[in-house]
Amino acid sequence: MSDVAERISEDRIRARQSREDTNLFSRLPAVYSASRTQGQRCLQHGGGLSIVEWRTLWDLTEAGPMTIRDLATVQRADHSLLSRALPEMRKKGYVVMHRDSRDGRQTIVELTEKGQAAYQTAAPVMRRRREALREVFSEDEILTFVGFLDRLEAFLHTPIEDLLHKDRAE
């Protein structure tokens, strides 16, 4: 065992860490996790909603009734995540759901008074979080960052075949 301990190189570890600091693929999960953790902690101060509940109440407050598909699109979330969360939100009395009369395959989600009250409780805390972000980043920096995210997201949707065979096309 002591042979292994002797082979540990602090310099190689620091060099590796330095390379990983600029590796977007390894940084994004940590940033996502930190964002969710901070959001959940904020929501504990704002009435105890989950992130999905908060996002859904916020979207319904601002946009009005919409289908589960619309919610998933707005939230950039997986449809199944919302389909699992919405029945619990209905049980809590935050939303009502009914079939779309124009397309019976779709379910329309609508905010209730209780859901609006839960939103109103959480909204000041989450607004303060967004304000705090604007104390760290200017509006222009946020817009630039979002532009980078858009480009990264487009890249991540590039077909694997295009990535793996790009050098063959050149």
N, C-alpha and C. Protein backbone atom coordinates (compact mmCIF):
# COMPACT_ATOMS: atom_id res chain seq x y z
N MET A 1 0.82 -1.21 0.00
CA MET A 1 0.00 0.00 0.00
C MET A 1 0.85 1.26 0.00
N SER A 2 1.93 1.26 0.74
CA SER A 2 2.75 2.46 0.82
C SER A 2 3.33 2.82 -0.53
N ASP A 3 3.55 1.82 -1.43
CA ASP A 3 4.05 2.11 -2.77
C ASP A 3 3.07 3.00 -3.54
N VAL A 4 1.79 2.72 -3.40
CA VAL A 4 0.77 3.53 -4.07
C VAL A 4 0.79 4.95 -3.52
N ALA A 5 0.86 5.08 -2.22
CA ALA A 5 0.88 6.41 -1.61
C ALA A 5 2.08 7.21 -2.07
N GLU A 6 3.19 6.54 -2.27
CA GLU A 6 4.41 7.24 -2.71
C GLU A 6 4.29 7.71 -4.15
N ARG A 7 3.43 7.08 -4.94
CA ARG A 7 3.27 7.47 -6.35
C ARG A 7 2.31 8.64 -6.52
N ILE A 8 1.65 9.07 -5.48
CA ILE A 8 0.75 10.22 -5.57
C ILE A 8 1.59 11.46 -5.84
N SER A 9 1.22 12.17 -6.87
CA SER A 9 1.95 13.38 -7.25
C SER A 9 1.02 14.59 -7.13
N GLU A 10 1.29 15.42 -6.16
CA GLU A 10 0.49 16.64 -5.98
C GLU A 10 0.54 17.51 -7.23
N ASP A 11 1.69 17.57 -7.89
CA ASP A 11 1.82 18.38 -9.10
C ASP A 11 0.95 17.85 -10.23
N ARG A 12 0.92 16.53 -10.41
CA ARG A 12 0.08 15.95 -11.46
C ARG A 12 -1.40 16.15 -11.13
N ILE A 13 -1.75 16.04 -9.88
CA ILE A 13 -3.14 16.25 -9.47
C ILE A 13 -3.54 17.69 -9.74
N ARG A 14 -2.69 18.64 -9.37
CA ARG A 14 -2.99 20.06 -9.63
C ARG A 14 -3.10 20.33 -11.14
N ALA A 15 -2.22 19.73 -11.92
CA ALA A 15 -2.26 19.92 -13.38
C ALA A 15 -3.56 19.35 -13.94
N ARG A 16 -3.94 18.18 -13.44
CA ARG A 16 -5.20 17.58 -13.90
C ARG A 16 -6.38 18.45 -13.54
N GLN A 17 -6.39 18.95 -12.30
CA GLN A 17 -7.47 19.83 -11.86
C GLN A 17 -7.53 21.09 -12.72
N SER A 18 -6.38 21.62 -13.06
CA SER A 18 -6.33 22.82 -13.89
C SER A 18 -6.96 22.55 -15.26
N ARG A 19 -6.66 21.39 -15.85
CA ARG A 19 -7.28 21.05 -17.14
C ARG A 19 -8.79 20.86 -16.98
N GLU A 20 -9.20 20.22 -15.92
CA GLU A 20 -10.64 19.98 -15.70
C GLU A 20 -11.39 21.28 -15.43
N ASP A 21 -10.72 22.27 -14.90
CA ASP A 21 -11.38 23.56 -14.65
C ASP A 21 -11.90 24.19 -15.93
N THR A 22 -11.33 23.85 -17.07
CA THR A 22 -11.78 24.40 -18.34
C THR A 22 -12.56 23.38 -19.18
N ASN A 23 -12.90 22.25 -18.60
CA ASN A 23 -13.65 21.21 -19.30
C ASN A 23 -15.14 21.44 -19.06
N LEU A 24 -15.81 22.02 -20.06
CA LEU A 24 -17.24 22.32 -19.91
C LEU A 24 -18.06 21.09 -19.61
N PHE A 25 -17.71 19.97 -20.19
CA PHE A 25 -18.49 18.74 -19.98
C PHE A 25 -18.46 18.32 -18.51
N SER A 26 -17.36 18.54 -17.83
CA SER A 26 -17.31 18.16 -16.41
C SER A 26 -17.81 19.28 -15.51
N ARG A 27 -17.78 20.52 -15.96
CA ARG A 27 -18.23 21.64 -15.13
C ARG A 27 -19.75 21.77 -15.09
N LEU A 28 -20.43 21.49 -16.20
CA LEU A 28 -21.87 21.72 -16.27
C LEU A 28 -22.66 20.94 -15.23
N PRO A 29 -22.39 19.66 -15.00
CA PRO A 29 -23.17 18.97 -13.96
C PRO A 29 -23.01 19.60 -12.58
N ALA A 30 -21.81 20.05 -12.26
CA ALA A 30 -21.60 20.68 -10.95
C ALA A 30 -22.34 22.02 -10.85
N VAL A 31 -22.34 22.78 -11.93
CA VAL A 31 -23.05 24.06 -11.95
C VAL A 31 -24.56 23.81 -11.83
N TYR A 32 -25.06 22.84 -12.58
CA TYR A 32 -26.48 22.49 -12.52
C TYR A 32 -26.87 22.07 -11.10
N SER A 33 -26.06 21.23 -10.50
CA SER A 33 -26.35 20.75 -9.14
C SER A 33 -26.35 21.91 -8.15
N ALA A 34 -25.36 22.79 -8.26
CA ALA A 34 -25.30 23.94 -7.35
C ALA A 34 -26.50 24.86 -7.54
N SER A 35 -26.93 25.05 -8.78
CA SER A 35 -28.09 25.89 -9.06
C SER A 35 -29.35 25.29 -8.44
N ARG A 36 -29.54 23.99 -8.62
CA ARG A 36 -30.73 23.33 -8.06
C ARG A 36 -30.70 23.37 -6.54
N THR A 37 -29.54 23.12 -5.95
CA THR A 37 -29.43 23.15 -4.49
C THR A 37 -29.75 24.54 -3.96
N GLN A 38 -29.19 25.57 -4.58
CA GLN A 38 -29.47 26.94 -4.15
C GLN A 38 -30.95 27.26 -4.33
N GLY A 39 -31.52 26.87 -5.46
CA GLY A 39 -32.94 27.11 -5.71
C GLY A 39 -33.82 26.42 -4.69
N GLN A 40 -33.50 25.17 -4.37
CA GLN A 40 -34.28 24.43 -3.37
C GLN A 40 -34.19 25.08 -2.00
N ARG A 41 -33.00 25.55 -1.66
CA ARG A 41 -32.85 26.23 -0.36
C ARG A 41 -33.65 27.53 -0.34
N CYS A 42 -33.64 28.26 -1.43
CA CYS A 42 -34.45 29.48 -1.51
C CYS A 42 -35.93 29.14 -1.34
N LEU A 43 -36.36 28.09 -2.03
CA LEU A 43 -37.77 27.72 -1.98
C LEU A 43 -38.19 27.23 -0.60
N GLN A 44 -37.27 26.72 0.19
CA GLN A 44 -37.60 26.35 1.56
C GLN A 44 -37.99 27.59 2.36
N HIS A 45 -37.39 28.72 2.02
CA HIS A 45 -37.75 30.00 2.65
C HIS A 45 -39.01 30.60 2.04
N GLY A 46 -39.39 30.08 0.88
CA GLY A 46 -40.54 30.64 0.17
C GLY A 46 -41.73 29.72 0.13
N GLY A 47 -41.92 28.92 1.14
CA GLY A 47 -43.12 28.10 1.22
C GLY A 47 -42.93 26.62 1.00
N GLY A 48 -41.71 26.19 0.72
CA GLY A 48 -41.45 24.76 0.63
C GLY A 48 -41.79 24.09 -0.69
N LEU A 49 -41.90 24.85 -1.76
CA LEU A 49 -42.16 24.25 -3.07
C LEU A 49 -40.92 23.54 -3.58
N SER A 50 -41.13 22.58 -4.48
CA SER A 50 -40.00 21.98 -5.20
C SER A 50 -39.67 22.89 -6.39
N ILE A 51 -38.54 22.62 -7.01
CA ILE A 51 -38.15 23.40 -8.20
C ILE A 51 -39.22 23.22 -9.30
N VAL A 52 -39.65 22.01 -9.53
CA VAL A 52 -40.65 21.75 -10.58
C VAL A 52 -41.96 22.46 -10.24
N GLU A 53 -42.37 22.39 -8.99
CA GLU A 53 -43.60 23.09 -8.59
C GLU A 53 -43.46 24.59 -8.82
N TRP A 54 -42.34 25.15 -8.39
CA TRP A 54 -42.11 26.59 -8.56
C TRP A 54 -42.17 26.98 -10.04
N ARG A 55 -41.41 26.25 -10.87
CA ARG A 55 -41.37 26.60 -12.29
C ARG A 55 -42.77 26.50 -12.91
N THR A 56 -43.52 25.48 -12.54
CA THR A 56 -44.86 25.29 -13.10
C THR A 56 -45.80 26.40 -12.65
N LEU A 57 -45.78 26.73 -11.36
CA LEU A 57 -46.65 27.82 -10.88
C LEU A 57 -46.26 29.15 -11.52
N TRP A 58 -44.97 29.40 -11.66
CA TRP A 58 -44.49 30.64 -12.27
C TRP A 58 -44.95 30.70 -13.73
N ASP A 59 -44.75 29.62 -14.47
CA ASP A 59 -45.15 29.60 -15.88
C ASP A 59 -46.65 29.80 -16.05
N LEU A 60 -47.44 29.12 -15.21
CA LEU A 60 -48.89 29.25 -15.32
C LEU A 60 -49.36 30.64 -14.90
N THR A 61 -48.68 31.26 -13.94
CA THR A 61 -49.02 32.62 -13.53
C THR A 61 -48.78 33.59 -14.67
N GLU A 62 -47.65 33.44 -15.34
CA GLU A 62 -47.29 34.39 -16.40
C GLU A 62 -47.98 34.11 -17.73
N ALA A 63 -48.20 32.83 -18.06
CA ALA A 63 -48.72 32.50 -19.38
C ALA A 63 -50.16 32.00 -19.38
N GLY A 64 -50.69 31.67 -18.20
CA GLY A 64 -52.04 31.13 -18.16
C GLY A 64 -52.05 29.64 -18.43
N PRO A 65 -53.23 29.06 -18.61
CA PRO A 65 -53.33 27.62 -18.83
C PRO A 65 -52.52 27.19 -20.04
N MET A 66 -51.94 26.01 -19.95
CA MET A 66 -51.19 25.46 -21.08
C MET A 66 -51.13 23.94 -20.96
N THR A 67 -50.75 23.32 -22.04
CA THR A 67 -50.65 21.86 -22.04
C THR A 67 -49.36 21.43 -21.33
N ILE A 68 -49.31 20.16 -20.97
CA ILE A 68 -48.09 19.62 -20.37
C ILE A 68 -46.94 19.77 -21.37
N ARG A 69 -47.20 19.55 -22.63
CA ARG A 69 -46.17 19.71 -23.66
C ARG A 69 -45.65 21.15 -23.68
N ASP A 70 -46.58 22.13 -23.58
CA ASP A 70 -46.16 23.53 -23.55
C ASP A 70 -45.27 23.81 -22.33
N LEU A 71 -45.68 23.30 -21.18
CA LEU A 71 -44.89 23.49 -19.96
C LEU A 71 -43.49 22.90 -20.14
N ALA A 72 -43.41 21.70 -20.68
CA ALA A 72 -42.11 21.05 -20.89
C ALA A 72 -41.24 21.88 -21.83
N THR A 73 -41.84 22.43 -22.86
CA THR A 73 -41.08 23.25 -23.81
C THR A 73 -40.57 24.52 -23.14
N VAL A 74 -41.44 25.21 -22.42
CA VAL A 74 -41.06 26.45 -21.74
C VAL A 74 -39.95 26.19 -20.73
N GLN A 75 -40.07 25.09 -20.00
CA GLN A 75 -39.11 24.78 -18.94
C GLN A 75 -37.87 24.05 -19.45
N ARG A 76 -37.87 23.68 -20.73
CA ARG A 76 -36.77 22.89 -21.28
C ARG A 76 -36.58 21.63 -20.44
N ALA A 77 -37.72 21.05 -20.07
CA ALA A 77 -37.72 19.88 -19.20
C ALA A 77 -38.29 18.68 -19.94
N ASP A 78 -38.03 17.53 -19.42
CA ASP A 78 -38.56 16.31 -19.97
C ASP A 78 -40.06 16.22 -19.65
N HIS A 79 -40.84 15.89 -20.66
CA HIS A 79 -42.29 15.76 -20.52
C HIS A 79 -42.64 14.82 -19.37
N SER A 80 -41.91 13.73 -19.22
CA SER A 80 -42.22 12.73 -18.19
C SER A 80 -41.98 13.29 -16.78
N LEU A 81 -41.02 14.19 -16.63
CA LEU A 81 -40.78 14.82 -15.32
C LEU A 81 -42.04 15.57 -14.87
N LEU A 82 -42.61 16.33 -15.77
CA LEU A 82 -43.83 17.08 -15.44
C LEU A 82 -45.02 16.13 -15.25
N SER A 83 -45.11 15.12 -16.08
CA SER A 83 -46.21 14.17 -15.95
C SER A 83 -46.20 13.47 -14.59
N ARG A 84 -45.01 13.27 -14.02
CA ARG A 84 -44.92 12.67 -12.69
C ARG A 84 -45.20 13.69 -11.59
N ALA A 85 -44.82 14.95 -11.78
CA ALA A 85 -44.98 15.98 -10.74
C ALA A 85 -46.41 16.54 -10.67
N LEU A 86 -47.07 16.62 -11.79
CA LEU A 86 -48.38 17.28 -11.83
C LEU A 86 -49.46 16.60 -11.00
N PRO A 87 -49.55 15.28 -10.95
CA PRO A 87 -50.58 14.67 -10.09
C PRO A 87 -50.43 15.08 -8.61
N GLU A 88 -49.20 15.18 -8.14
CA GLU A 88 -48.98 15.62 -6.75
C GLU A 88 -49.37 17.09 -6.59
N MET A 89 -49.10 17.90 -7.59
CA MET A 89 -49.50 19.31 -7.54
C MET A 89 -51.03 19.43 -7.53
N ARG A 90 -51.69 18.53 -8.26
CA ARG A 90 -53.16 18.51 -8.25
C ARG A 90 -53.67 18.12 -6.86
N LYS A 91 -53.04 17.10 -6.25
CA LYS A 91 -53.43 16.68 -4.90
C LYS A 91 -53.26 17.81 -3.89
N LYS A 92 -52.22 18.60 -4.06
CA LYS A 92 -51.98 19.73 -3.16
C LYS A 92 -52.94 20.89 -3.43
N GLY A 93 -53.66 20.80 -4.53
CA GLY A 93 -54.63 21.84 -4.86
C GLY A 93 -54.04 23.02 -5.62
N TYR A 94 -52.82 22.87 -6.15
CA TYR A 94 -52.16 23.97 -6.87
C TYR A 94 -52.65 24.11 -8.30
N VAL A 95 -53.05 22.98 -8.92
CA VAL A 95 -53.46 23.01 -10.32
C VAL A 95 -54.68 22.11 -10.52
N VAL A 96 -55.37 22.36 -11.60
CA VAL A 96 -56.38 21.44 -12.10
C VAL A 96 -55.94 21.04 -13.50
N MET A 97 -56.33 19.84 -13.89
CA MET A 97 -55.96 19.34 -15.21
C MET A 97 -57.19 18.77 -15.89
N HIS A 98 -57.29 19.01 -17.18
CA HIS A 98 -58.39 18.45 -17.95
C HIS A 98 -57.95 18.25 -19.39
N ARG A 99 -58.66 17.39 -20.07
CA ARG A 99 -58.35 17.10 -21.48
C ARG A 99 -58.63 18.32 -22.35
N ASP A 100 -57.77 18.53 -23.32
CA ASP A 100 -57.94 19.60 -24.29
C ASP A 100 -59.11 19.22 -25.20
N SER A 101 -60.11 20.09 -25.28
CA SER A 101 -61.29 19.80 -26.10
C SER A 101 -60.94 19.77 -27.59
N ARG A 102 -59.88 20.44 -27.99
CA ARG A 102 -59.48 20.45 -29.40
C ARG A 102 -58.62 19.24 -29.75
N ASP A 103 -57.85 18.75 -28.78
CA ASP A 103 -56.97 17.61 -29.00
C ASP A 103 -57.00 16.75 -27.74
N GLY A 104 -57.83 15.75 -27.76
CA GLY A 104 -58.05 14.90 -26.59
C GLY A 104 -56.81 14.19 -26.09
N ARG A 105 -55.74 14.19 -26.87
CA ARG A 105 -54.49 13.57 -26.42
C ARG A 105 -53.72 14.47 -25.46
N GLN A 106 -54.04 15.75 -25.47
CA GLN A 106 -53.33 16.72 -24.65
C GLN A 106 -54.06 17.00 -23.34
N THR A 107 -53.28 17.25 -22.30
CA THR A 107 -53.84 17.63 -21.01
C THR A 107 -53.50 19.09 -20.75
N ILE A 108 -54.53 19.87 -20.43
CA ILE A 108 -54.33 21.29 -20.10
C ILE A 108 -54.19 21.42 -18.60
N VAL A 109 -53.22 22.21 -18.20
CA VAL A 109 -52.94 22.46 -16.78
C VAL A 109 -53.30 23.91 -16.49
N GLU A 110 -54.03 24.10 -15.40
CA GLU A 110 -54.50 25.44 -15.04
C GLU A 110 -54.23 25.70 -13.56
N LEU A 111 -53.86 26.91 -13.26
CA LEU A 111 -53.55 27.33 -11.89
C LEU A 111 -54.83 27.50 -11.08
N THR A 112 -54.79 27.10 -9.81
CA THR A 112 -55.92 27.33 -8.90
C THR A 112 -55.59 28.51 -8.00
N GLU A 113 -56.56 28.94 -7.21
CA GLU A 113 -56.30 30.01 -6.24
C GLU A 113 -55.22 29.59 -5.25
N LYS A 114 -55.27 28.36 -4.81
CA LYS A 114 -54.25 27.86 -3.88
C LYS A 114 -52.87 27.86 -4.54
N GLY A 115 -52.82 27.50 -5.80
CA GLY A 115 -51.57 27.54 -6.55
C GLY A 115 -51.06 28.96 -6.69
N GLN A 116 -51.97 29.89 -6.96
CA GLN A 116 -51.59 31.31 -7.06
C GLN A 116 -51.05 31.81 -5.72
N ALA A 117 -51.66 31.39 -4.63
CA ALA A 117 -51.19 31.79 -3.29
C ALA A 117 -49.80 31.22 -3.02
N ALA A 118 -49.57 29.97 -3.40
CA ALA A 118 -48.24 29.36 -3.21
C ALA A 118 -47.21 30.11 -4.05
N TYR A 119 -47.58 30.47 -5.27
CA TYR A 119 -46.68 31.27 -6.12
C TYR A 119 -46.36 32.60 -5.45
N GLN A 120 -47.38 33.29 -4.95
CA GLN A 120 -47.18 34.60 -4.33
C GLN A 120 -46.26 34.52 -3.10
N THR A 121 -46.30 33.40 -2.39
CA THR A 121 -45.42 33.22 -1.23
C THR A 121 -43.97 33.04 -1.67
N ALA A 122 -43.76 32.27 -2.71
CA ALA A 122 -42.40 31.96 -3.17
C ALA A 122 -41.79 33.06 -4.04
N ALA A 123 -42.62 33.81 -4.74
CA ALA A 123 -42.14 34.77 -5.74
C ALA A 123 -41.14 35.79 -5.19
N PRO A 124 -41.36 36.40 -4.02
CA PRO A 124 -40.39 37.39 -3.54
C PRO A 124 -39.00 36.78 -3.28
N VAL A 125 -38.97 35.57 -2.78
CA VAL A 125 -37.68 34.91 -2.51
C VAL A 125 -36.96 34.63 -3.82
N MET A 126 -37.68 34.11 -4.80
CA MET A 126 -37.05 33.78 -6.07
C MET A 126 -36.70 35.04 -6.86
N ARG A 127 -37.47 36.11 -6.69
CA ARG A 127 -37.12 37.39 -7.32
C ARG A 127 -35.82 37.91 -6.74
N ARG A 128 -35.66 37.77 -5.42
CA ARG A 128 -34.44 38.22 -4.77
C ARG A 128 -33.23 37.41 -5.27
N ARG A 129 -33.44 36.14 -5.53
CA ARG A 129 -32.36 35.31 -6.08
C ARG A 129 -31.93 35.85 -7.44
N ARG A 130 -32.90 36.17 -8.30
CA ARG A 130 -32.57 36.72 -9.62
C ARG A 130 -31.89 38.08 -9.49
N GLU A 131 -32.35 38.90 -8.53
CA GLU A 131 -31.71 40.20 -8.30
C GLU A 131 -30.27 40.01 -7.83
N ALA A 132 -30.05 39.03 -6.97
CA ALA A 132 -28.69 38.76 -6.47
C ALA A 132 -27.78 38.34 -7.63
N LEU A 133 -28.30 37.58 -8.58
CA LEU A 133 -27.51 37.20 -9.74
C LEU A 133 -27.11 38.45 -10.53
N ARG A 134 -28.04 39.41 -10.62
CA ARG A 134 -27.75 40.64 -11.35
C ARG A 134 -26.78 41.55 -10.60
N GLU A 135 -26.51 41.24 -9.36
CA GLU A 135 -25.47 41.95 -8.62
C GLU A 135 -24.09 41.37 -8.95
N VAL A 136 -24.08 40.16 -9.49
CA VAL A 136 -22.83 39.48 -9.85
C VAL A 136 -22.55 39.65 -11.35
N PHE A 137 -23.61 39.60 -12.16
CA PHE A 137 -23.49 39.73 -13.61
C PHE A 137 -24.37 40.88 -14.09
N SER A 138 -23.84 41.68 -15.00
CA SER A 138 -24.65 42.75 -15.60
C SER A 138 -25.66 42.13 -16.57
N GLU A 139 -26.63 42.91 -16.98
CA GLU A 139 -27.63 42.45 -17.96
C GLU A 139 -26.93 42.00 -19.24
N ASP A 140 -25.95 42.80 -19.70
CA ASP A 140 -25.21 42.43 -20.92
C ASP A 140 -24.46 41.13 -20.74
N GLU A 141 -23.86 40.92 -19.58
CA GLU A 141 -23.13 39.67 -19.34
C GLU A 141 -24.10 38.48 -19.32
N ILE A 142 -25.25 38.67 -18.74
CA ILE A 142 -26.25 37.59 -18.72
C ILE A 142 -26.68 37.26 -20.15
N LEU A 143 -26.94 38.28 -20.96
CA LEU A 143 -27.33 38.04 -22.35
C LEU A 143 -26.22 37.34 -23.14
N THR A 144 -24.99 37.74 -22.90
CA THR A 144 -23.85 37.09 -23.55
C THR A 144 -23.76 35.64 -23.12
N PHE A 145 -23.91 35.40 -21.82
CA PHE A 145 -23.84 34.04 -21.28
C PHE A 145 -24.96 33.18 -21.87
N VAL A 146 -26.16 33.72 -21.96
CA VAL A 146 -27.28 32.98 -22.55
C VAL A 146 -26.98 32.66 -24.02
N GLY A 147 -26.35 33.59 -24.71
CA GLY A 147 -25.95 33.33 -26.10
C GLY A 147 -24.97 32.16 -26.17
N PHE A 148 -24.03 32.11 -25.24
CA PHE A 148 -23.10 30.98 -25.20
C PHE A 148 -23.85 29.68 -24.90
N LEU A 149 -24.82 29.74 -23.99
CA LEU A 149 -25.61 28.55 -23.68
C LEU A 149 -26.39 28.08 -24.90
N ASP A 150 -26.95 29.02 -25.66
CA ASP A 150 -27.68 28.66 -26.89
C ASP A 150 -26.75 27.93 -27.86
N ARG A 151 -25.54 28.46 -28.03
CA ARG A 151 -24.57 27.82 -28.94
C ARG A 151 -24.16 26.45 -28.42
N LEU A 152 -23.94 26.35 -27.12
CA LEU A 152 -23.56 25.06 -26.53
C LEU A 152 -24.69 24.05 -26.70
N GLU A 153 -25.92 24.49 -26.44
CA GLU A 153 -27.07 23.59 -26.59
C GLU A 153 -27.20 23.12 -28.03
N ALA A 154 -27.01 24.02 -28.99
CA ALA A 154 -27.06 23.63 -30.41
C ALA A 154 -25.97 22.61 -30.71
N PHE A 155 -24.76 22.85 -30.20
CA PHE A 155 -23.67 21.89 -30.39
C PHE A 155 -24.03 20.53 -29.80
N LEU A 156 -24.62 20.52 -28.61
CA LEU A 156 -24.95 19.27 -27.94
C LEU A 156 -26.05 18.49 -28.65
N HIS A 157 -26.78 19.17 -29.52
CA HIS A 157 -27.81 18.50 -30.33
C HIS A 157 -27.26 18.06 -31.69
N THR A 158 -25.98 18.30 -31.92
CA THR A 158 -25.36 17.86 -33.17
C THR A 158 -25.36 16.34 -33.22
N PRO A 159 -25.81 15.76 -34.32
CA PRO A 159 -25.80 14.30 -34.41
C PRO A 159 -24.39 13.75 -34.18
N ILE A 160 -24.31 12.67 -33.44
CA ILE A 160 -23.03 12.06 -33.11
C ILE A 160 -22.24 11.71 -34.36
N GLU A 161 -22.95 11.26 -35.38
CA GLU A 161 -22.28 10.90 -36.63
C GLU A 161 -21.53 12.10 -37.21
N ASP A 162 -22.13 13.29 -37.09
CA ASP A 162 -21.48 14.49 -37.59
C ASP A 162 -20.23 14.81 -36.79
N LEU A 163 -20.28 14.59 -35.48
CA LEU A 163 -19.11 14.87 -34.63
C LEU A 163 -17.98 13.87 -34.90
N LEU A 164 -18.33 12.60 -34.99
CA LEU A 164 -17.33 11.57 -35.11
C LEU A 164 -16.69 11.52 -36.50
N HIS A 165 -17.40 11.99 -37.50
CA HIS A 165 -16.91 11.88 -38.87
C HIS A 165 -16.58 13.22 -39.49
N LYS A 166 -16.50 14.26 -38.68
CA LYS A 166 -16.22 15.60 -39.20
C LYS A 166 -14.89 15.64 -39.95
N ASP A 167 -13.85 15.00 -39.42
CA ASP A 167 -12.54 15.03 -40.05
C ASP A 167 -12.55 14.34 -41.42
N ARG A 168 -13.44 13.41 -41.65
CA ARG A 168 -13.53 12.71 -42.93
C ARG A 168 -14.09 13.63 -44.02
N ALA A 169 -14.95 14.60 -43.61
CA ALA A 169 -15.57 15.50 -44.58
C ALA A 169 -14.60 16.58 -45.02
N GLU A 170 -13.55 16.82 -44.26
CA GLU A 170 -12.63 17.91 -44.58
C GLU A 170 -11.55 17.50 -45.55
